[in-house]
Amino acid sequence: MSNHLFDAFRARVTAPQRLLMRTDDGRSLTYGDMLARSAQLAHALVQSGVAPGDRVAVQVEKSPEAVLLYLACLRAGAVFLPLNTAYTPPELRYFFGDAEPRLVVCD
């Protein structure tokens, strides 16, 4: 499935070996890594039953993996619903009831 936002992002990738990000702990991620890993995650989302337009609720710490999951949602045509890791159970029940996510990803 084509996604205009992801396609625009991918079009800016001129060199797959170019560094996309480096973490404080020294890990590196290239554009090529991002394309490959977000494709794997998008495939996993689809295999888990996520269809275009479905919401994926995500309650994880900020990390390169969270960025990859966001990009995977775009690739799968899903809606990425970020949830603060400090939300209480009643707050989460509200968001889950309101958004009716197809899938919930948490730490």
N, C-alpha and C. Protein backbone atom coordinates (compact mmCIF):
# COMPACT_ATOMS: atom_id res chain seq x y z
N MET A 1 0.84 -1.18 0.00
CA MET A 1 0.00 0.00 0.00
C MET A 1 0.88 1.24 0.00
N SER A 2 0.48 2.22 -0.75
CA SER A 2 1.23 3.47 -0.82
C SER A 2 0.76 4.41 0.28
N ASN A 3 1.70 5.11 0.87
CA ASN A 3 1.39 6.11 1.87
C ASN A 3 2.17 7.36 1.52
N HIS A 4 1.48 8.45 1.28
CA HIS A 4 2.13 9.67 0.81
C HIS A 4 3.21 10.18 1.76
N LEU A 5 2.96 10.14 3.06
CA LEU A 5 3.96 10.63 4.01
C LEU A 5 5.20 9.74 3.99
N PHE A 6 5.00 8.41 4.05
CA PHE A 6 6.15 7.52 4.02
C PHE A 6 6.87 7.61 2.68
N ASP A 7 6.11 7.69 1.58
CA ASP A 7 6.74 7.81 0.26
C ASP A 7 7.58 9.07 0.15
N ALA A 8 7.11 10.17 0.73
CA ALA A 8 7.89 11.42 0.72
C ALA A 8 9.16 11.26 1.54
N PHE A 9 9.05 10.57 2.67
CA PHE A 9 10.22 10.33 3.51
C PHE A 9 11.22 9.46 2.76
N ARG A 10 10.74 8.37 2.14
CA ARG A 10 11.62 7.45 1.43
C ARG A 10 12.28 8.13 0.23
N ALA A 11 11.58 9.03 -0.42
CA ALA A 11 12.14 9.73 -1.57
C ALA A 11 13.34 10.58 -1.20
N ARG A 12 13.44 10.98 0.06
CA ARG A 12 14.57 11.80 0.52
C ARG A 12 15.79 10.95 0.85
N VAL A 13 15.64 9.64 0.80
CA VAL A 13 16.76 8.74 1.09
C VAL A 13 17.60 8.61 -0.17
N THR A 14 18.70 9.34 -0.21
CA THR A 14 19.55 9.33 -1.40
C THR A 14 20.66 8.29 -1.30
N ALA A 15 21.01 7.91 -0.09
CA ALA A 15 22.08 6.94 0.11
C ALA A 15 21.73 6.04 1.30
N PRO A 16 21.39 4.76 1.07
CA PRO A 16 20.99 3.87 2.15
C PRO A 16 22.02 3.73 3.26
N GLN A 17 23.29 3.90 2.94
CA GLN A 17 24.34 3.75 3.96
C GLN A 17 24.52 5.00 4.81
N ARG A 18 23.83 6.08 4.44
CA ARG A 18 23.94 7.34 5.18
C ARG A 18 23.33 7.20 6.58
N LEU A 19 23.96 7.82 7.55
CA LEU A 19 23.52 7.75 8.94
C LEU A 19 22.19 8.51 9.13
N LEU A 20 21.22 7.83 9.69
CA LEU A 20 19.94 8.45 10.02
C LEU A 20 19.97 8.97 11.45
N MET A 21 20.45 8.14 12.38
CA MET A 21 20.53 8.58 13.77
C MET A 21 21.58 7.77 14.52
N ARG A 22 22.08 8.39 15.57
CA ARG A 22 22.99 7.73 16.50
C ARG A 22 22.45 8.00 17.90
N THR A 23 22.38 6.96 18.70
CA THR A 23 21.82 7.10 20.04
C THR A 23 22.90 7.48 21.04
N ASP A 24 22.47 7.92 22.22
CA ASP A 24 23.41 8.28 23.27
C ASP A 24 24.29 7.10 23.69
N ASP A 25 23.75 5.87 23.53
CA ASP A 25 24.54 4.70 23.92
C ASP A 25 25.41 4.16 22.79
N GLY A 26 25.50 4.93 21.68
CA GLY A 26 26.42 4.59 20.61
C GLY A 26 25.85 3.75 19.47
N ARG A 27 24.58 3.38 19.54
CA ARG A 27 23.98 2.62 18.43
C ARG A 27 23.78 3.54 17.24
N SER A 28 23.95 2.98 16.04
CA SER A 28 23.77 3.73 14.81
C SER A 28 22.67 3.08 13.98
N LEU A 29 21.94 3.91 13.24
CA LEU A 29 20.90 3.43 12.35
C LEU A 29 21.04 4.19 11.04
N THR A 30 21.21 3.45 9.96
CA THR A 30 21.31 4.09 8.64
C THR A 30 19.92 4.17 8.01
N TYR A 31 19.83 4.90 6.92
CA TYR A 31 18.57 4.97 6.19
C TYR A 31 18.18 3.60 5.67
N GLY A 32 19.17 2.84 5.22
CA GLY A 32 18.89 1.48 4.75
C GLY A 32 18.36 0.59 5.86
N ASP A 33 18.95 0.71 7.06
CA ASP A 33 18.45 -0.02 8.22
C ASP A 33 17.00 0.36 8.50
N MET A 34 16.72 1.65 8.45
CA MET A 34 15.37 2.14 8.72
C MET A 34 14.38 1.55 7.73
N LEU A 35 14.74 1.54 6.44
CA LEU A 35 13.83 1.00 5.43
C LEU A 35 13.58 -0.49 5.67
N ALA A 36 14.64 -1.24 5.94
CA ALA A 36 14.50 -2.68 6.14
C ALA A 36 13.73 -3.01 7.41
N ARG A 37 14.08 -2.36 8.52
CA ARG A 37 13.44 -2.68 9.79
C ARG A 37 12.00 -2.20 9.86
N SER A 38 11.71 -1.05 9.26
CA SER A 38 10.31 -0.59 9.26
C SER A 38 9.47 -1.49 8.37
N ALA A 39 10.05 -2.04 7.30
CA ALA A 39 9.32 -2.99 6.45
C ALA A 39 9.01 -4.27 7.23
N GLN A 40 9.98 -4.76 8.01
CA GLN A 40 9.74 -5.96 8.82
C GLN A 40 8.63 -5.72 9.83
N LEU A 41 8.67 -4.56 10.48
CA LEU A 41 7.63 -4.24 11.46
C LEU A 41 6.27 -4.07 10.80
N ALA A 42 6.23 -3.43 9.64
CA ALA A 42 4.96 -3.27 8.91
C ALA A 42 4.38 -4.64 8.57
N HIS A 43 5.24 -5.55 8.13
CA HIS A 43 4.79 -6.90 7.82
C HIS A 43 4.22 -7.58 9.08
N ALA A 44 4.91 -7.40 10.21
CA ALA A 44 4.43 -7.98 11.46
C ALA A 44 3.08 -7.39 11.86
N LEU A 45 2.90 -6.10 11.64
CA LEU A 45 1.61 -5.47 11.94
C LEU A 45 0.50 -6.10 11.11
N VAL A 46 0.74 -6.23 9.82
CA VAL A 46 -0.26 -6.80 8.91
C VAL A 46 -0.54 -8.25 9.30
N GLN A 47 0.51 -9.01 9.62
CA GLN A 47 0.32 -10.40 10.04
C GLN A 47 -0.46 -10.50 11.35
N SER A 48 -0.42 -9.43 12.15
CA SER A 48 -1.17 -9.39 13.41
C SER A 48 -2.61 -8.93 13.22
N GLY A 49 -3.00 -8.70 11.97
CA GLY A 49 -4.37 -8.33 11.68
C GLY A 49 -4.62 -6.86 11.47
N VAL A 50 -3.58 -6.04 11.47
CA VAL A 50 -3.74 -4.60 11.26
C VAL A 50 -3.99 -4.34 9.78
N ALA A 51 -5.06 -3.62 9.49
CA ALA A 51 -5.43 -3.27 8.12
C ALA A 51 -5.35 -1.75 7.96
N PRO A 52 -5.29 -1.28 6.72
CA PRO A 52 -5.26 0.17 6.49
C PRO A 52 -6.42 0.87 7.22
N GLY A 53 -6.09 1.94 7.91
CA GLY A 53 -7.08 2.70 8.65
C GLY A 53 -7.23 2.27 10.10
N ASP A 54 -6.74 1.08 10.44
CA ASP A 54 -6.80 0.63 11.84
C ASP A 54 -5.87 1.48 12.70
N ARG A 55 -6.23 1.58 13.97
CA ARG A 55 -5.38 2.30 14.92
C ARG A 55 -4.49 1.32 15.68
N VAL A 56 -3.24 1.75 15.85
CA VAL A 56 -2.27 0.99 16.65
C VAL A 56 -1.89 1.88 17.82
N ALA A 57 -2.34 1.51 19.02
CA ALA A 57 -2.02 2.27 20.23
C ALA A 57 -0.62 1.86 20.68
N VAL A 58 0.22 2.85 20.95
CA VAL A 58 1.62 2.59 21.29
C VAL A 58 1.97 3.32 22.57
N GLN A 59 2.33 2.54 23.60
CA GLN A 59 2.74 3.12 24.87
C GLN A 59 4.14 2.59 25.18
N VAL A 60 5.13 3.28 24.64
CA VAL A 60 6.53 2.89 24.80
C VAL A 60 7.36 4.13 25.08
N GLU A 61 8.54 3.90 25.62
CA GLU A 61 9.48 5.00 25.83
C GLU A 61 9.96 5.51 24.47
N LYS A 62 10.39 6.75 24.45
CA LYS A 62 10.96 7.33 23.23
C LYS A 62 12.25 6.59 22.90
N SER A 63 12.37 6.14 21.65
CA SER A 63 13.53 5.35 21.25
C SER A 63 13.57 5.26 19.73
N PRO A 64 14.71 4.83 19.19
CA PRO A 64 14.75 4.58 17.74
C PRO A 64 13.71 3.54 17.32
N GLU A 65 13.48 2.55 18.17
CA GLU A 65 12.49 1.52 17.84
C GLU A 65 11.09 2.11 17.75
N ALA A 66 10.79 3.10 18.58
CA ALA A 66 9.48 3.76 18.52
C ALA A 66 9.33 4.51 17.19
N VAL A 67 10.40 5.13 16.72
CA VAL A 67 10.37 5.81 15.41
C VAL A 67 10.14 4.78 14.31
N LEU A 68 10.82 3.64 14.40
CA LEU A 68 10.63 2.58 13.40
C LEU A 68 9.20 2.06 13.41
N LEU A 69 8.61 1.94 14.59
CA LEU A 69 7.22 1.50 14.68
C LEU A 69 6.28 2.53 14.07
N TYR A 70 6.55 3.80 14.29
CA TYR A 70 5.74 4.85 13.66
C TYR A 70 5.81 4.72 12.14
N LEU A 71 7.02 4.56 11.61
CA LEU A 71 7.18 4.42 10.16
C LEU A 71 6.51 3.14 9.65
N ALA A 72 6.57 2.09 10.44
CA ALA A 72 5.90 0.84 10.06
C ALA A 72 4.39 1.03 9.98
N CYS A 73 3.84 1.78 10.92
CA CYS A 73 2.40 2.08 10.87
C CYS A 73 2.06 2.82 9.59
N LEU A 74 2.88 3.80 9.24
CA LEU A 74 2.66 4.52 7.99
C LEU A 74 2.68 3.56 6.81
N ARG A 75 3.68 2.70 6.77
CA ARG A 75 3.83 1.75 5.66
C ARG A 75 2.64 0.82 5.57
N ALA A 76 2.07 0.43 6.71
CA ALA A 76 0.93 -0.48 6.72
C ALA A 76 -0.39 0.25 6.53
N GLY A 77 -0.34 1.58 6.49
CA GLY A 77 -1.57 2.36 6.33
C GLY A 77 -2.35 2.51 7.62
N ALA A 78 -1.71 2.19 8.74
CA ALA A 78 -2.37 2.26 10.04
C ALA A 78 -2.19 3.64 10.66
N VAL A 79 -3.01 3.93 11.65
CA VAL A 79 -2.94 5.17 12.39
C VAL A 79 -2.15 4.91 13.67
N PHE A 80 -1.07 5.64 13.86
CA PHE A 80 -0.21 5.51 15.04
C PHE A 80 -0.81 6.37 16.14
N LEU A 81 -1.18 5.74 17.26
CA LEU A 81 -1.78 6.45 18.39
C LEU A 81 -0.80 6.41 19.56
N PRO A 82 0.02 7.47 19.72
CA PRO A 82 0.99 7.45 20.82
C PRO A 82 0.31 7.73 22.15
N LEU A 83 0.69 6.96 23.15
CA LEU A 83 0.14 7.12 24.50
C LEU A 83 1.29 7.35 25.48
N ASN A 84 1.11 8.31 26.33
CA ASN A 84 2.12 8.64 27.34
C ASN A 84 2.34 7.44 28.26
N THR A 85 3.60 7.17 28.56
CA THR A 85 3.90 6.03 29.44
C THR A 85 3.46 6.27 30.88
N ALA A 86 3.11 7.49 31.22
CA ALA A 86 2.67 7.81 32.58
C ALA A 86 1.15 7.72 32.75
N TYR A 87 0.40 7.38 31.68
CA TYR A 87 -1.05 7.28 31.82
C TYR A 87 -1.42 6.21 32.83
N THR A 88 -2.46 6.48 33.59
CA THR A 88 -2.97 5.55 34.58
C THR A 88 -3.93 4.57 33.91
N PRO A 89 -4.25 3.45 34.56
CA PRO A 89 -5.20 2.51 33.97
C PRO A 89 -6.54 3.14 33.57
N PRO A 90 -7.14 4.03 34.39
CA PRO A 90 -8.39 4.65 33.93
C PRO A 90 -8.20 5.50 32.65
N GLU A 91 -7.07 6.19 32.56
CA GLU A 91 -6.81 6.97 31.35
C GLU A 91 -6.64 6.07 30.14
N LEU A 92 -5.94 4.96 30.33
CA LEU A 92 -5.76 4.02 29.22
C LEU A 92 -7.09 3.42 28.79
N ARG A 93 -7.94 3.06 29.76
CA ARG A 93 -9.26 2.53 29.42
C ARG A 93 -10.04 3.53 28.57
N TYR A 94 -9.94 4.82 28.90
CA TYR A 94 -10.62 5.85 28.11
C TYR A 94 -10.10 5.84 26.67
N PHE A 95 -8.77 5.90 26.51
CA PHE A 95 -8.21 5.94 25.16
C PHE A 95 -8.53 4.67 24.37
N PHE A 96 -8.42 3.52 25.02
CA PHE A 96 -8.72 2.27 24.31
C PHE A 96 -10.19 2.20 23.91
N GLY A 97 -11.06 2.65 24.82
CA GLY A 97 -12.49 2.64 24.50
C GLY A 97 -12.85 3.63 23.42
N ASP A 98 -12.21 4.78 23.44
CA ASP A 98 -12.52 5.82 22.45
C ASP A 98 -11.93 5.48 21.08
N ALA A 99 -10.67 5.06 21.06
CA ALA A 99 -9.97 4.85 19.79
C ALA A 99 -10.21 3.45 19.20
N GLU A 100 -10.56 2.50 20.05
CA GLU A 100 -10.76 1.12 19.62
C GLU A 100 -9.60 0.62 18.75
N PRO A 101 -8.38 0.62 19.30
CA PRO A 101 -7.24 0.18 18.50
C PRO A 101 -7.33 -1.29 18.14
N ARG A 102 -6.83 -1.62 16.96
CA ARG A 102 -6.75 -3.02 16.54
C ARG A 102 -5.65 -3.74 17.31
N LEU A 103 -4.59 -2.96 17.65
CA LEU A 103 -3.44 -3.55 18.31
C LEU A 103 -2.89 -2.55 19.32
N VAL A 104 -2.40 -3.06 20.45
CA VAL A 104 -1.74 -2.23 21.46
C VAL A 104 -0.31 -2.73 21.59
N VAL A 105 0.64 -1.80 21.51
CA VAL A 105 2.06 -2.12 21.68
C VAL A 105 2.52 -1.37 22.91
N CYS A 106 3.15 -2.09 23.86
CA CYS A 106 3.64 -1.43 25.07
C CYS A 106 4.97 -2.03 25.48
N ASP A 107 5.68 -1.27 26.33
CA ASP A 107 6.94 -1.77 26.87
C ASP A 107 6.69 -2.94 27.79
